[in-house]
Protein backbone atom coordinates (compact mmCIF):
# COMPACT_ATOMS: atom_id res chain seq x y z
CA MET A 1 -66.82 -8.67 54.81
CA THR A 2 -65.03 -5.87 53.47
CA LYS A 3 -61.86 -5.22 54.81
CA ILE A 4 -60.74 -1.75 55.72
CA HIS A 5 -57.64 -1.43 53.29
CA ASP A 6 -59.90 -2.27 50.91
CA ILE A 7 -62.34 0.71 50.97
CA SER A 8 -61.63 4.35 49.47
CA ALA A 9 -60.07 7.36 51.13
CA SER A 10 -62.58 9.15 51.51
CA VAL A 11 -65.09 6.30 52.74
CA CYS A 12 -62.46 5.86 55.58
CA LEU A 13 -62.53 9.42 56.27
CA GLU A 14 -66.35 9.16 57.27
CA LYS A 15 -66.17 6.06 58.89
CA MET A 16 -63.50 7.60 61.18
CA ARG A 17 -65.43 10.46 61.66
CA SER A 18 -68.48 8.75 62.63
CA GLN A 19 -66.19 6.56 64.93
CA GLU A 20 -67.48 3.33 63.13
CA ILE A 21 -63.86 2.67 62.82
CA ALA A 22 -60.38 3.70 64.58
CA VAL A 23 -57.47 5.07 63.11
CA GLU A 24 -55.51 2.77 64.87
CA GLU A 25 -57.46 -0.14 62.99
CA VAL A 26 -57.09 1.46 59.84
CA VAL A 27 -52.76 1.53 59.73
CA HIS A 28 -53.18 -1.80 60.88
CA SER A 29 -55.27 -2.93 58.26
CA ILE A 30 -52.99 -1.35 55.88
CA PHE A 31 -49.53 -3.06 57.30
CA SER A 32 -51.09 -6.26 57.59
CA LYS A 33 -51.34 -5.64 53.39
CA ILE A 34 -48.30 -4.95 53.12
CA GLU A 35 -46.66 -7.38 55.37
CA GLU A 36 -48.96 -9.77 53.05
CA ILE A 37 -47.73 -9.07 49.58
CA GLU A 38 -44.77 -6.26 49.96
CA ASP A 39 -42.41 -9.19 48.98
CA LYS A 40 -44.07 -9.65 45.75
CA ILE A 41 -44.84 -6.07 44.99
CA ARG A 42 -41.55 -4.51 46.01
CA GLY A 43 -43.49 -0.69 46.02
CA TYR A 44 -41.72 0.41 49.06
CA VAL A 45 -38.03 1.39 49.17
CA PRO A 46 -36.27 -1.29 51.22
CA GLY A 47 -35.96 0.23 54.78
CA SER A 48 -38.57 2.86 54.08
CA LEU A 49 -41.92 1.71 56.09
CA TYR A 50 -42.60 3.46 59.29
CA LYS A 51 -44.63 1.05 61.20
CA ASP A 52 -43.60 2.04 64.70
CA ILE A 53 -44.28 5.49 64.02
CA ALA A 54 -47.58 5.68 61.99
CA LEU A 55 -49.29 3.50 64.28
CA LYS A 56 -47.84 6.07 67.82
CA LYS A 57 -49.28 8.71 65.73
CA ALA A 58 -52.36 6.87 65.05
CA LYS A 59 -53.29 6.30 68.69
CA GLU A 60 -52.59 10.06 69.26
CA LEU A 61 -55.10 10.75 66.80
CA ASP A 62 -57.80 8.59 68.20
CA LYS A 63 -57.31 10.00 71.43
CA LYS A 64 -57.74 13.34 70.01
CA ILE A 65 -61.12 11.77 68.30
CA LYS A 66 -62.49 10.62 71.45
CA LYS A 67 -61.81 14.01 73.39
CA ASP A 68 -63.29 16.43 71.12
CA GLY A 69 -64.39 14.60 67.86
CA LYS A 70 -62.22 17.02 65.87
CA LEU A 71 -60.37 15.56 62.83
CA GLY A 72 -57.70 17.35 59.84
CA SER A 73 -59.31 16.88 56.08
CA LEU A 74 -57.12 13.50 55.98
CA CYS A 75 -56.79 12.94 59.61
CA GLY A 76 -55.78 9.52 60.02
CA LEU A 77 -55.57 8.59 56.50
CA PRO A 78 -52.16 6.55 55.14
CA ILE A 79 -50.24 7.62 52.86
CA ALA A 80 -47.30 6.73 50.68
CA ILE A 81 -44.81 9.03 48.98
CA LYS A 82 -42.71 8.80 46.02
CA ASP A 83 -39.28 8.87 47.66
CA CYS A 84 -37.81 12.02 45.33
CA ILE A 85 -39.98 14.05 48.02
CA ASN A 86 -38.24 15.27 51.18
CA VAL A 87 -39.78 14.47 54.52
CA THR A 88 -37.46 15.03 57.77
CA GLY A 89 -35.73 12.35 58.99
CA THR A 90 -36.32 9.99 56.61
CA ARG A 91 -34.13 8.79 53.83
CA THR A 92 -34.53 10.24 50.34
CA THR A 93 -32.91 7.95 47.99
CA CYS A 94 -34.81 8.97 44.44
CA GLY A 95 -34.08 5.38 43.58
CA SER A 96 -30.43 5.83 43.09
CA HIS A 97 -26.87 4.35 44.80
CA MET A 98 -25.88 7.90 44.52
CA LEU A 99 -28.49 9.24 47.69
CA GLU A 100 -29.15 5.52 49.07
CA ASN A 101 -27.98 7.05 52.36
CA TYR A 102 -28.94 10.66 52.26
CA THR A 103 -31.22 11.57 55.41
CA SER A 104 -33.61 14.48 54.34
CA PRO A 105 -32.95 17.38 56.80
CA TYR A 106 -36.36 18.91 56.44
CA ASP A 107 -40.39 18.85 55.02
CA ALA A 108 -41.11 19.66 51.16
CA THR A 109 -44.06 21.72 51.55
CA VAL A 110 -46.65 19.29 50.43
CA ILE A 111 -45.33 17.28 53.32
CA ARG A 112 -45.95 19.79 56.01
CA LYS A 113 -49.43 20.45 54.35
CA LEU A 114 -50.30 16.67 54.81
CA LYS A 115 -48.69 16.68 58.61
CA ALA A 116 -50.95 19.62 58.70
CA ALA A 117 -54.12 17.71 57.88
CA GLU A 118 -53.01 14.83 60.45
CA ALA A 119 -52.67 12.37 57.14
CA ILE A 120 -49.82 9.17 58.46
CA ILE A 121 -46.86 8.82 56.31
CA ILE A 122 -46.43 5.20 56.04
CA GLY A 123 -43.50 5.23 53.92
CA LYS A 124 -41.42 6.17 50.68
CA THR A 125 -41.94 4.23 47.34
CA ASN A 126 -39.81 3.12 44.64
CA MET A 127 -38.96 4.64 41.28
CA ASP A 128 -36.55 4.80 38.35
CA GLU A 129 -33.79 6.71 39.45
CA PHE A 130 -34.27 10.54 39.57
CA ALA A 131 -37.60 9.83 37.86
CA MET A 132 -35.91 8.96 34.80
CA GLY A 133 -38.01 5.99 33.38
CA THR A 134 -41.33 4.44 32.25
CA SER A 135 -41.52 1.33 33.71
CA THR A 136 -39.42 1.42 37.52
CA GLU A 137 -36.92 -0.81 35.90
CA ASN A 138 -34.06 1.46 36.56
CA SER A 139 -33.85 1.59 40.57
CA TYR A 140 -31.12 0.87 42.45
CA PHE A 141 -33.05 -1.44 44.33
CA GLY A 142 -34.33 -3.52 42.02
CA PRO A 143 -38.00 -3.20 39.78
CA THR A 144 -41.43 -2.86 41.11
CA ARG A 145 -43.87 -5.50 40.22
CA ASN A 146 -47.51 -4.37 38.81
CA PRO A 147 -50.24 -5.75 41.25
CA TRP A 148 -52.42 -7.05 38.55
CA ASP A 149 -49.95 -9.33 36.44
CA LEU A 150 -46.34 -9.75 38.57
CA GLU A 151 -44.23 -10.88 35.38
CA ARG A 152 -45.23 -6.77 33.86
CA VAL A 153 -43.78 -3.34 34.84
CA PRO A 154 -46.46 -1.03 36.97
CA GLY A 155 -45.17 2.11 34.85
CA GLY A 156 -42.88 5.03 35.75
CA SER A 157 -41.46 6.53 37.19
CA SER A 158 -43.71 6.65 39.91
CA GLY A 159 -44.09 3.04 39.85
CA GLY A 160 -44.02 2.27 43.41
CA SER A 161 -46.78 4.88 44.22
CA GLY A 162 -48.73 3.56 41.57
CA ALA A 163 -48.53 -0.24 42.69
CA VAL A 164 -48.95 0.39 46.40
CA VAL A 165 -52.35 2.34 45.81
CA ALA A 166 -53.85 -0.66 43.31
CA ALA A 167 -52.55 -3.38 45.74
CA ARG A 168 -54.00 -1.88 49.16
CA GLU A 169 -50.90 -1.34 50.35
CA ALA A 170 -51.45 2.48 51.31
CA MET A 171 -54.80 4.69 51.02
CA PHE A 172 -53.62 7.21 48.42
CA ALA A 173 -49.87 8.30 47.59
CA LEU A 174 -47.88 11.02 46.13
CA GLY A 175 -45.87 10.62 43.20
CA SER A 176 -44.16 13.00 40.82
CA ASP A 177 -44.96 13.61 37.32
CA THR A 178 -42.63 15.08 34.38
CA GLY A 179 -43.55 13.77 31.52
CA GLY A 180 -46.46 11.24 32.38
CA SER A 181 -44.46 9.93 35.56
CA VAL A 182 -47.93 9.98 37.56
CA ARG A 183 -50.41 9.34 34.67
CA CYS A 184 -48.48 6.04 33.34
CA PRO A 185 -48.53 4.09 36.47
CA ALA A 186 -52.27 4.82 37.26
CA SER A 187 -53.20 3.43 33.76
CA TYR A 188 -50.61 0.36 33.78
CA CYS A 189 -52.22 -0.12 37.68
CA GLY A 190 -55.54 0.75 36.88
CA ILE A 191 -56.09 3.90 39.41
CA VAL A 192 -56.16 7.79 38.94
CA GLY A 193 -53.14 9.99 38.65
CA LEU A 194 -53.89 13.51 38.42
CA LYS A 195 -51.15 15.99 36.46
CA THR A 196 -52.10 19.41 37.84
CA THR A 197 -51.47 22.34 36.01
CA TYR A 198 -47.83 23.72 36.73
CA GLY A 199 -47.67 26.37 39.43
CA LEU A 200 -50.76 24.86 41.42
CA VAL A 201 -48.82 22.92 43.84
CA SER A 202 -45.49 23.48 45.35
CA ARG A 203 -42.12 21.96 44.08
CA TYR A 204 -40.32 22.82 47.28
CA GLY A 205 -38.84 19.69 48.62
CA LEU A 206 -38.60 17.90 45.28
CA VAL A 207 -35.79 16.40 43.98
CA SER A 208 -35.18 18.12 40.67
CA TYR A 209 -34.98 16.30 37.45
CA ALA A 210 -36.62 18.91 34.64
CA CYS A 211 -37.89 22.22 36.71
CA SER A 212 -39.89 23.37 33.92
CA LEU A 213 -41.81 20.32 33.47
CA GLU A 214 -42.30 18.21 36.75
CA GLN A 215 -45.56 18.64 39.12
CA ILE A 216 -45.93 16.76 42.60
CA ALA A 217 -49.01 14.70 41.89
CA PRO A 218 -51.98 12.56 43.63
CA LEU A 219 -52.39 8.84 43.10
CA THR A 220 -55.55 7.70 44.00
CA ARG A 221 -58.60 4.91 44.01
CA THR A 222 -61.15 7.22 43.25
CA VAL A 223 -61.70 10.14 41.58
CA LYS A 224 -63.04 11.77 45.21
CA ASP A 225 -60.14 10.78 46.91
CA CYS A 226 -58.01 12.69 44.41
CA ALA A 227 -60.10 15.73 44.86
CA LEU A 228 -59.66 14.96 48.72
CA LEU A 229 -55.73 15.35 48.29
CA LEU A 230 -55.95 17.92 45.88
CA ASN A 231 -57.57 20.09 48.34
CA VAL A 232 -54.80 19.64 50.71
CA ILE A 233 -51.25 20.21 48.70
CA THR A 234 -52.82 22.77 46.60
CA GLY A 235 -51.54 26.74 46.74
CA TYR A 236 -49.48 29.44 46.61
CA ASP A 237 -45.65 28.79 48.30
CA PRO A 238 -43.47 31.38 48.59
CA LEU A 239 -40.37 28.99 48.75
CA ASP A 240 -41.35 27.83 45.24
CA SER A 241 -41.21 30.79 43.01
CA THR A 242 -42.72 28.76 40.45
CA THR A 243 -46.29 28.61 42.33
CA LEU A 244 -48.99 31.26 41.40
CA ASN A 245 -51.00 32.90 43.90
CA ARG A 246 -54.38 32.54 43.17
CA ALA A 247 -57.49 31.33 44.86
CA VAL A 248 -57.88 27.51 44.74
CA PRO A 249 -61.53 26.35 44.41
CA ASN A 250 -62.79 23.42 47.05
CA TYR A 251 -62.48 20.33 44.46
CA LEU A 252 -64.38 18.10 46.84
CA ASP A 253 -67.46 20.26 47.13
CA ALA A 254 -67.64 21.13 43.72
CA LEU A 255 -67.49 17.67 42.21
CA GLU A 256 -70.71 16.88 40.16
CA THR A 257 -71.60 14.46 37.36
CA ASP A 258 -73.85 16.77 35.33
CA LEU A 259 -71.89 16.58 31.74
CA LYS A 260 -74.69 18.44 29.90
CA GLY A 261 -72.73 21.06 26.93
CA VAL A 262 -69.39 19.79 27.99
CA LYS A 263 -67.84 19.73 24.77
CA ILE A 264 -64.95 16.75 24.14
CA GLY A 265 -62.24 17.06 21.53
CA LEU A 266 -60.72 13.91 20.11
CA PRO A 267 -57.49 13.78 18.65
CA ASN A 268 -57.22 12.68 15.48
CA GLN A 269 -53.20 11.87 16.13
CA TYR A 270 -54.09 10.40 19.30
CA PHE A 271 -56.36 7.65 17.80
CA SER A 272 -54.11 6.78 14.62
CA GLU A 273 -50.50 4.49 14.09
CA GLY A 274 -49.15 3.12 17.42
CA ILE A 275 -52.25 2.88 19.59
CA ASP A 276 -53.24 -0.61 20.19
CA LYS A 277 -56.74 -1.42 18.88
CA THR A 278 -58.65 -2.47 22.17
CA VAL A 279 -57.02 0.39 23.87
CA LYS A 280 -58.66 3.11 21.22
CA THR A 281 -61.98 0.81 21.08
CA ARG A 282 -62.06 1.19 24.73
CA ILE A 283 -61.41 4.82 24.97
CA LEU A 284 -63.74 5.53 22.09
CA LYS A 285 -66.06 3.55 24.05
CA ALA A 286 -65.84 5.32 26.99
CA VAL A 287 -66.40 8.71 25.04
CA GLU A 288 -69.73 7.06 24.13
CA LYS A 289 -70.23 7.03 27.76
CA LEU A 290 -69.53 10.53 28.45
CA GLU A 291 -71.98 11.17 25.27
CA GLU A 292 -74.92 9.43 27.04
CA LEU A 293 -74.45 11.56 30.08
CA GLY A 294 -75.02 14.73 28.48
CA ALA A 295 -71.16 15.41 26.46
CA LYS A 296 -71.13 15.91 23.25
CA PHE A 297 -67.49 14.96 21.24
CA ASP A 298 -66.02 16.11 17.68
CA THR A 299 -62.32 15.25 16.26
CA PHE A 300 -59.84 17.93 15.28
CA ASP A 301 -56.26 17.82 14.21
CA PHE A 302 -53.06 18.95 16.27
CA GLU A 303 -50.75 20.60 13.90
CA HIS A 304 -47.15 20.17 15.87
CA VAL A 305 -47.73 17.24 18.66
CA ASP A 306 -46.05 14.91 16.46
CA HIS A 307 -42.74 17.30 17.72
CA SER A 308 -43.46 16.78 21.19
CA LEU A 309 -41.46 13.53 22.08
CA PRO A 310 -38.19 14.99 20.75
CA CYS A 311 -39.00 18.05 21.77
CA TYR A 312 -39.37 16.75 25.61
CA TYR A 313 -36.56 14.65 25.57
CA ILE A 314 -34.49 17.93 24.34
CA ILE A 315 -35.76 20.02 27.02
CA ALA A 316 -35.76 17.14 29.67
CA MET A 317 -32.06 15.99 29.24
CA SER A 318 -30.59 19.01 29.03
CA GLU A 319 -32.65 20.32 32.72
CA ALA A 320 -31.58 16.88 34.11
CA SER A 321 -27.41 17.77 33.00
CA SER A 322 -27.66 21.15 35.11
CA ASN A 323 -29.99 19.77 38.28
CA LEU A 324 -27.79 16.62 38.31
CA ALA A 325 -24.38 18.38 38.21
CA ARG A 326 -24.49 19.02 41.73
CA TYR A 327 -24.00 15.07 42.83
CA ASP A 328 -20.56 15.35 42.82
CA GLY A 329 -19.91 12.91 45.96
CA MET A 330 -17.67 16.03 47.49
CA ARG A 331 -20.19 17.79 48.92
CA TYR A 332 -22.65 15.25 49.23
CA GLY A 333 -23.62 11.70 47.68
CA LEU A 334 -22.34 8.79 47.44
CA ARG A 335 -18.18 9.23 47.44
CA VAL A 336 -16.17 5.81 46.36
CA GLU A 337 -12.65 7.92 45.66
CA ASP A 338 -10.32 10.06 47.51
CA ASP A 339 -7.16 9.55 45.85
CA GLY A 340 -6.57 11.56 42.35
CA GLU A 341 -7.41 15.24 40.88
CA TRP A 342 -10.52 16.44 41.88
CA ASN A 343 -12.07 16.10 38.31
CA GLU A 344 -10.92 12.35 38.60
CA ILE A 345 -12.64 12.24 41.83
CA TYR A 346 -16.12 13.78 40.20
CA SER A 347 -15.82 11.57 37.61
CA LYS A 348 -15.31 8.28 39.28
CA ASN A 349 -18.18 9.07 41.94
CA ARG A 350 -20.80 9.60 39.38
CA GLN A 351 -19.76 6.97 37.52
CA ILE A 352 -20.25 4.70 40.20
CA GLY A 353 -23.55 6.80 41.91
CA PHE A 354 -25.63 6.82 38.70
CA GLY A 355 -27.39 3.96 36.82
CA PRO A 356 -27.04 3.98 33.15
CA GLU A 357 -30.33 5.64 32.30
CA VAL A 358 -29.39 8.56 34.15
CA ARG A 359 -25.92 8.75 32.87
CA ARG A 360 -27.29 8.78 28.94
CA ARG A 361 -29.42 11.82 29.68
CA ILE A 362 -26.94 13.45 31.55
CA MET A 363 -24.61 12.98 28.34
CA LEU A 364 -27.36 13.69 26.07
CA GLY A 365 -28.46 16.84 27.46
CA THR A 366 -24.99 18.16 28.28
CA TYR A 367 -24.33 17.57 24.46
CA ALA A 368 -27.75 19.49 23.75
CA LEU A 369 -26.37 22.67 25.53
CA SER A 370 -22.70 22.79 24.12
CA SER A 371 -21.37 25.36 22.24
CA GLY A 372 -22.45 25.02 18.58
CA TYR A 373 -25.58 22.87 19.74
CA TYR A 374 -27.34 25.00 21.68
CA ASP A 375 -28.97 26.89 18.76
CA ALA A 376 -29.66 23.42 16.67
CA TYR A 377 -31.52 21.27 19.98
CA TYR A 378 -31.99 23.25 23.14
CA LEU A 379 -33.23 26.78 21.05
CA LYS A 380 -35.30 25.16 18.50
CA ALA A 381 -37.29 22.72 21.38
CA LEU A 382 -38.29 25.51 22.82
CA LYS A 383 -39.64 27.22 19.96
CA VAL A 384 -41.51 24.15 19.28
CA ARG A 385 -42.75 24.24 22.63
CA THR A 386 -44.85 27.35 22.06
CA LEU A 387 -45.98 25.81 18.94
CA LEU A 388 -47.36 23.04 20.63
CA LYS A 389 -49.28 25.46 23.41
CA ASN A 390 -50.50 27.15 20.63
CA ASP A 391 -51.79 24.21 19.46
CA PHE A 392 -53.67 23.02 22.82
CA LEU A 393 -54.65 27.25 23.30
CA ARG A 394 -56.96 26.94 19.66
CA ALA A 395 -58.25 23.70 20.46
CA PHE A 396 -59.85 24.98 23.80
CA LYS A 397 -61.64 27.74 22.20
CA ASP A 398 -63.55 24.50 20.59
CA PHE A 399 -63.29 22.34 23.41
CA ASP A 400 -63.90 22.19 27.20
CA VAL A 401 -61.74 18.83 27.53
CA ILE A 402 -59.75 16.79 25.70
CA ILE A 403 -59.47 13.08 25.38
CA GLY A 404 -57.20 10.44 24.61
CA PRO A 405 -55.54 6.97 25.72
CA THR A 406 -53.02 7.84 28.42
CA MET A 407 -50.73 5.05 27.01
CA PRO A 408 -50.62 3.60 23.79
CA ASP A 409 -50.96 -0.21 25.06
CA VAL A 410 -51.75 -1.98 28.41
CA ALA A 411 -48.45 -2.40 30.55
CA PHE A 412 -45.75 -4.58 29.11
CA LYS A 413 -43.21 -7.06 30.57
CA PHE A 414 -40.12 -6.71 31.94
CA GLY A 415 -37.50 -6.91 29.47
CA GLU A 416 -39.52 -6.37 26.69
CA LEU A 417 -38.63 -2.66 26.11
CA SER A 418 -34.88 -2.83 26.36
CA ASP A 419 -34.29 -0.35 24.00
CA PRO A 420 -34.07 3.17 25.48
CA LEU A 421 -35.88 4.84 21.84
CA SER A 422 -38.60 2.16 22.39
CA MET A 423 -38.95 2.63 26.07
CA TYR A 424 -39.21 6.75 25.44
CA LEU A 425 -42.21 6.15 22.64
CA MET A 426 -44.50 5.05 25.31
CA ASP A 427 -44.30 8.38 26.58
CA ILE A 428 -46.19 9.82 23.40
CA TYR A 429 -49.32 10.91 24.68
CA THR A 430 -48.44 12.13 28.09
CA VAL A 431 -45.55 14.66 27.24
CA PRO A 432 -46.95 17.18 25.27
CA ILE A 433 -49.12 17.95 28.79
CA ASN A 434 -45.84 18.67 30.78
CA LEU A 435 -44.62 20.54 27.90
CA VAL A 436 -47.56 23.14 27.91
CA GLY A 437 -48.12 22.65 31.50
CA LEU A 438 -51.97 22.00 31.56
CA PRO A 439 -53.56 19.57 33.73
CA ALA A 440 -54.46 15.91 33.00
CA ILE A 441 -56.19 12.97 34.62
CA SER A 442 -56.18 9.21 33.74
CA ILE A 443 -58.99 7.18 34.97
CA PRO A 444 -59.18 3.15 34.40
CA CYS A 445 -61.98 2.66 31.33
CA GLY A 446 -61.58 -0.84 30.87
CA PHE A 447 -59.30 -3.69 30.32
CA LYS A 448 -56.84 -5.94 27.86
CA ASN A 449 -56.49 -9.36 28.57
CA GLU A 450 -57.06 -8.29 32.48
CA LEU A 451 -54.93 -5.78 32.51
CA PRO A 452 -55.79 -1.80 33.12
CA ILE A 453 -56.88 0.53 29.97
CA GLY A 454 -56.51 4.48 31.30
CA MET A 455 -58.27 7.24 29.44
CA GLN A 456 -56.66 10.56 29.71
CA ILE A 457 -58.70 13.83 30.16
CA ILE A 458 -57.07 17.40 29.25
CA GLY A 459 -58.70 20.29 30.52
CA ARG A 460 -57.57 24.30 29.99
CA PHE A 461 -54.90 26.10 32.26
CA PHE A 462 -55.96 25.62 36.23
CA GLU A 463 -59.29 23.89 35.47
CA GLU A 464 -58.75 20.79 37.03
CA GLN A 465 -62.32 21.35 38.41
CA THR A 466 -63.56 20.30 35.08
CA ILE A 467 -61.40 17.09 34.57
CA LEU A 468 -62.14 15.80 37.70
CA ASN A 469 -66.09 16.37 36.84
CA VAL A 470 -65.84 14.60 33.49
CA ALA A 471 -63.88 11.89 35.29
CA HIS A 472 -65.96 11.66 38.55
CA ALA A 473 -69.25 11.40 36.00
CA TYR A 474 -67.85 8.72 33.86
CA GLU A 475 -66.23 6.49 37.22
CA GLN A 476 -69.68 6.93 38.67
CA ASN A 477 -71.38 5.19 36.03
CA THR A 478 -68.68 2.00 35.07
CA GLN A 479 -67.39 -0.35 37.74
CA PHE A 480 -64.09 -0.50 36.38
CA HIS A 481 -62.52 2.06 39.36
CA GLU A 482 -63.63 -1.02 41.84
CA MET A 483 -62.01 -3.68 40.35
CA LYS A 484 -58.68 -5.22 42.20
CA PRO A 485 -55.33 -6.78 41.25
CA PRO A 486 -55.53 -10.33 41.59
CA THR A 487 -52.68 -10.13 44.30
């Protein structure tokens, strides 16, 4: 018999609506799985699970259902939240010693929307410190482990969110994607991760790393679950000037599997040097499957995509240098030194409060913004960003979607990539999307040595529905999304 925690969020919602199962049963099932394997996975920040609160909420919702039968659009579904998104009364640590004991006094806009839809927040998930990393090895609380192989990373920076969804420790989760931080764990953990168009989802209440790049984003088990969650979190927010005031479709109701006439572009640069042979083969086989379903594909060249990685890291680190300047231990955050001049206290607090990767990025960003180097680095990166955007706009004149690998290889072992530059290179296929602001989804499309492979589907601005439809069509005609990790 299928256990409750093994069914998808959308199926679970249907069963609760028909009163086949109770909300309390759903929450108990998820927490039983957490109690069974969390000591191995370590997907949640220690002390950031809210079982008693979740069960109390579940009982309230069960009473409401029995009384009038009404349900919110996410009623009773247990959701995990990346620990850089503010939830009232909970710690928001960002995986850092600097904010280890910080308690949020307010809800992020997406959290208010989740609560209005009656989702149940069950915990805060582990992450690379201040969302800086590709492996979740940079967390102050220690690494999260990949449920497919406990000796391997789950991806990052939203590795905790990816791992708990794959391991059935949550129905779905929210992460944040600055350069692939949702799509990477989705690929490594064999689930669905969607980075939306910049401005579609409010960033209010998200602790900033790089403001012009990051978006709050869903991690789910199926494309249908992704559309279900997307319906709730999207939309204009007067508290966030980066959101756009435009109509948002019902992504769930518009899901379809008809791909007749859909044109797929395959960038030659995404299938040349750097990609693992098995990953390349699986992506191309997935494209063949889409062709069987009615789509057509062709190859093309990007002119400037090879410059995306240095461009991304200059911009991201520069914005990080500015955003993280506020953490001084005097206004808030870790304070370890009281004696000395203000600059000595400031320096000591940051030296101890931040980990090595955060300090590295702050220093590089400060250097890029400094007098004499601004024009040579930061300004030049902004110009390259425009060239990249033009590359994508030209490509979308000929194609409806662009497809390639999410990551160049499957999840690597802990400590295998100790060189920061090697780690940065893992983002080669994901960072162009954030630089341009386009939507992209990662879905499982195969395995290499029993480890998941992710396929990335990129769409035009605000055409999330198109990439969801392509992903849904592929998912409905394959079984990769049904595979469960051995843990």
